[in-house]
Amino acid sequence: MIIAIDGPSGTGKTTVARKVAQRLNFAYFDTGATYRAITWFFLQRKTPLEEEKQIKKALEGFEFSFKAVGQERRYFVGPEDVTTAIRTPLVTRFVSQVSALRPVREVVWKRQRDAAKGQDAVFEGRDMGTVVFPDADLGYRAPSSGSSRGLDRVLSAICACSGRRPRTTCRRGPPRGAGRGMDRPCRPDVAP
């Protein structure tokens, strides 16, 4: 089963994704770490971000992996542990620019799809439900408001849906009906 959690930055995607993965005992994929690792890699190699040919060439040599150490994840580019390095202000300054590059996005999307094969996993980040996993078993779109109110309700709804029905979509966004801050949490695409 694949759960895709999508939405803009600062909306609670990571918090929801980690809690859902932990509660369901699913693998958790922080796609932002992949974009940050590529950014770090480009900065180390001094890859010009305006030169698509050089970007594609650099991506051919990019190797990314992670290891779970207890509750913590360690991220690696090749054999080098970059867990701390990818969270520096320099990487933060360039990650949006790098993540917007089409060749980078295509490489990341392919790796995410490959990583999802044959496992139960929660993926969070840009384009998860719209591009990478449009047919995910369960999808959640964080609102752009950044409000974390109702997070426990959303988390409970996702976890309840995931065990009950295949091909379920959960959406959180503008209210439908009277004053609710969330669409009905479970809308099956296929009858149970």
Protein backbone atom coordinates (compact mmCIF):
# COMPACT_ATOMS: atom_id res chain seq x y z
CA MET A 1 0.00 0.00 0.00
CA ILE A 2 1.26 3.47 -0.90
CA ILE A 3 0.14 6.55 1.02
CA ALA A 4 0.98 9.85 -0.69
CA ILE A 5 1.04 13.05 1.35
CA ASP A 6 1.26 16.18 -0.76
CA GLY A 7 1.18 19.93 -0.28
CA PRO A 8 3.20 23.11 0.07
CA SER A 9 6.02 23.52 2.59
CA GLY A 10 5.17 24.38 6.16
CA THR A 11 1.78 22.63 6.17
CA GLY A 12 2.54 19.69 8.45
CA LYS A 13 3.16 17.06 5.77
CA THR A 14 6.23 15.66 7.49
CA THR A 15 4.55 15.44 10.88
CA VAL A 16 1.55 13.63 9.43
CA ALA A 17 3.70 11.32 7.29
CA ARG A 18 5.96 10.26 10.16
CA LYS A 19 3.06 9.62 12.50
CA VAL A 20 1.10 7.65 9.89
CA ALA A 21 4.16 5.54 8.99
CA GLN A 22 4.90 4.89 12.64
CA ARG A 23 1.32 4.02 13.52
CA LEU A 24 0.94 1.66 10.53
CA ASN A 25 4.51 0.31 10.71
CA PHE A 26 5.13 1.44 7.11
CA ALA A 27 8.37 2.67 5.58
CA TYR A 28 8.63 6.47 5.56
CA PHE A 29 10.21 8.44 2.71
CA ASP A 30 11.18 12.07 3.24
CA THR A 31 11.44 13.23 -0.37
CA GLY A 32 12.75 16.61 0.72
CA ALA A 33 15.93 14.88 1.91
CA THR A 34 16.48 13.57 -1.62
CA TYR A 35 16.21 17.07 -3.11
CA ARG A 36 18.50 18.41 -0.39
CA ALA A 37 21.05 15.65 -1.06
CA ILE A 38 21.07 16.47 -4.78
CA THR A 39 21.49 20.15 -3.93
CA TRP A 40 24.44 19.34 -1.64
CA PHE A 41 25.91 17.12 -4.38
CA PHE A 42 25.62 19.89 -6.99
CA LEU A 43 27.18 22.43 -4.64
CA GLN A 44 30.10 20.10 -3.90
CA ARG A 45 30.70 19.55 -7.61
CA LYS A 46 30.06 23.21 -8.46
CA THR A 47 27.48 22.10 -11.02
CA PRO A 48 26.09 25.17 -12.84
CA LEU A 49 22.35 25.14 -12.23
CA GLU A 50 21.57 26.89 -15.50
CA GLU A 51 23.30 24.24 -17.65
CA GLU A 52 20.90 21.36 -18.27
CA LYS A 53 23.53 19.21 -19.99
CA GLN A 54 25.85 19.43 -16.97
CA ILE A 55 22.96 18.81 -14.59
CA LYS A 56 22.04 15.61 -16.41
CA LYS A 57 25.68 14.49 -16.46
CA ALA A 58 26.04 15.15 -12.73
CA LEU A 59 22.84 13.23 -11.96
CA GLU A 60 24.32 10.14 -13.64
CA GLY A 61 26.90 10.00 -10.82
CA PHE A 62 24.47 10.72 -7.99
CA GLU A 63 24.04 7.84 -5.53
CA PHE A 64 21.66 8.36 -2.62
CA SER A 65 20.71 6.03 0.21
CA PHE A 66 19.53 6.13 3.79
CA LYS A 67 19.70 3.97 6.89
CA ALA A 68 17.34 3.89 9.82
CA VAL A 69 19.24 4.12 13.10
CA GLY A 70 16.60 3.69 15.79
CA GLN A 71 14.07 6.45 15.18
CA GLU A 72 16.60 8.53 13.26
CA ARG A 73 17.40 8.42 9.54
CA ARG A 74 20.92 8.86 8.24
CA TYR A 75 21.28 10.05 4.62
CA PHE A 76 24.21 9.19 2.35
CA VAL A 77 25.52 10.44 -0.99
CA GLY A 78 27.76 7.63 -2.11
CA PRO A 79 29.52 6.49 1.07
CA GLU A 80 29.41 9.96 2.72
CA ASP A 81 26.96 10.62 5.56
CA VAL A 82 25.30 13.93 4.61
CA THR A 83 22.57 13.96 7.26
CA THR A 84 23.82 17.20 8.80
CA ALA A 85 25.25 18.70 5.61
CA ILE A 86 21.88 18.68 3.78
CA ARG A 87 20.30 20.83 6.51
CA THR A 88 22.80 23.69 6.29
CA PRO A 89 21.75 27.24 5.36
CA LEU A 90 23.68 26.97 2.08
CA VAL A 91 21.71 23.89 0.96
CA THR A 92 18.48 25.49 2.19
CA ARG A 93 19.25 28.57 0.08
CA PHE A 94 19.52 26.53 -3.14
CA VAL A 95 17.18 23.57 -2.64
CA SER A 96 14.09 25.28 -4.09
CA GLN A 97 15.99 26.21 -7.23
CA VAL A 98 17.40 22.68 -7.62
CA SER A 99 14.08 20.97 -6.92
CA ALA A 100 12.44 23.06 -9.66
CA LEU A 101 14.81 21.71 -12.33
CA ARG A 102 12.96 19.26 -14.59
CA PRO A 103 15.86 16.76 -14.94
CA VAL A 104 16.22 16.65 -11.14
CA ARG A 105 12.50 16.09 -10.62
CA GLU A 106 12.38 13.30 -13.19
CA VAL A 107 15.28 11.46 -11.53
CA VAL A 108 13.71 11.84 -8.08
CA TRP A 109 10.27 10.71 -9.28
CA LYS A 110 11.71 7.58 -10.88
CA ARG A 111 13.69 6.69 -7.76
CA GLN A 112 10.62 7.21 -5.58
CA ARG A 113 8.53 4.92 -7.78
CA ASP A 114 11.29 2.31 -7.76
CA ALA A 115 11.60 2.53 -3.96
CA ALA A 116 7.85 2.00 -3.57
CA LYS A 117 7.74 -1.31 -5.42
CA GLY A 118 6.66 -4.19 -3.23
CA GLN A 119 6.34 -2.37 0.07
CA ASP A 120 3.98 -0.52 2.31
CA ALA A 121 5.20 3.05 2.47
CA VAL A 122 4.30 6.66 3.21
CA PHE A 123 5.76 9.23 0.82
CA GLU A 124 5.54 12.93 1.59
CA GLY A 125 6.56 15.92 -0.44
CA ARG A 126 5.87 17.95 -3.53
CA ASP A 127 4.00 16.19 -6.32
CA MET A 128 3.43 12.97 -4.37
CA GLY A 129 -0.27 12.54 -5.05
CA THR A 130 -0.45 14.49 -8.28
CA VAL A 131 2.59 13.30 -10.26
CA VAL A 132 4.60 10.58 -8.53
CA PHE A 133 1.78 8.42 -7.17
CA PRO A 134 -1.49 9.58 -8.76
CA ASP A 135 -2.86 6.06 -8.21
CA ALA A 136 -1.73 5.81 -4.57
CA ASP A 137 -3.95 3.70 -2.36
CA LEU A 138 -4.42 6.69 -0.09
CA GLY A 139 -3.74 10.38 -0.67
CA TYR A 140 -3.69 13.42 1.58
CA ARG A 141 -3.31 17.00 0.39
CA ALA A 142 -2.27 19.43 3.10
CA PRO A 143 -3.96 22.84 2.90
CA SER A 144 -1.89 25.87 1.95
CA SER A 145 -2.92 27.66 5.13
CA GLY A 146 -0.37 25.77 7.22
CA SER A 147 -2.93 25.21 9.96
CA SER A 148 -2.15 22.17 12.06
CA ARG A 149 -5.55 22.28 13.74
CA GLY A 150 -7.25 18.96 13.34
CA LEU A 151 -3.96 17.12 12.71
CA ASP A 152 -4.96 14.29 15.05
CA ARG A 153 -8.32 14.03 13.31
CA VAL A 154 -6.63 13.81 9.90
CA LEU A 155 -4.09 11.30 11.16
CA SER A 156 -6.83 9.13 12.65
CA ALA A 157 -8.85 9.32 9.43
CA ILE A 158 -5.89 8.27 7.28
CA CYS A 159 -5.04 5.37 9.55
CA ALA A 160 -8.67 4.25 9.73
CA CYS A 161 -9.09 4.48 5.97
CA SER A 162 -5.91 2.60 5.19
CA GLY A 163 -7.00 -0.50 7.05
CA ARG A 164 -10.56 -0.48 5.81
CA ARG A 165 -10.69 0.10 2.07
CA PRO A 166 -8.39 -0.18 -0.90
CA ARG A 167 -8.18 2.79 -3.30
CA THR A 168 -9.25 5.44 -0.84
CA THR A 169 -8.56 9.14 -1.19
CA CYS A 170 -8.34 11.46 1.78
CA ARG A 171 -8.31 15.17 1.10
CA ARG A 172 -8.05 18.13 3.38
CA GLY A 173 -8.84 21.47 1.94
CA PRO A 174 -11.60 24.03 1.68
CA PRO A 175 -14.68 22.87 3.56
CA ARG A 176 -17.60 21.26 1.80
CA GLY A 177 -20.86 21.81 3.52
CA ALA A 178 -21.41 23.60 6.76
CA GLY A 179 -18.28 24.83 8.45
CA ARG A 180 -16.14 21.70 8.27
CA GLY A 181 -12.40 22.20 7.76
CA MET A 182 -11.98 18.90 5.97
CA ASP A 183 -13.69 16.92 3.22
CA ARG A 184 -15.17 13.63 4.27
CA PRO A 185 -11.99 11.76 5.19
CA CYS A 186 -12.77 8.59 3.25
CA ARG A 187 -14.07 8.56 -0.29
CA PRO A 188 -13.65 5.14 -1.84
CA ASP A 189 -12.92 5.11 -5.55
CA VAL A 190 -14.11 1.51 -5.66
CA ALA A 191 -16.92 0.18 -3.53
CA PRO A 192 -15.71 -2.02 -0.63
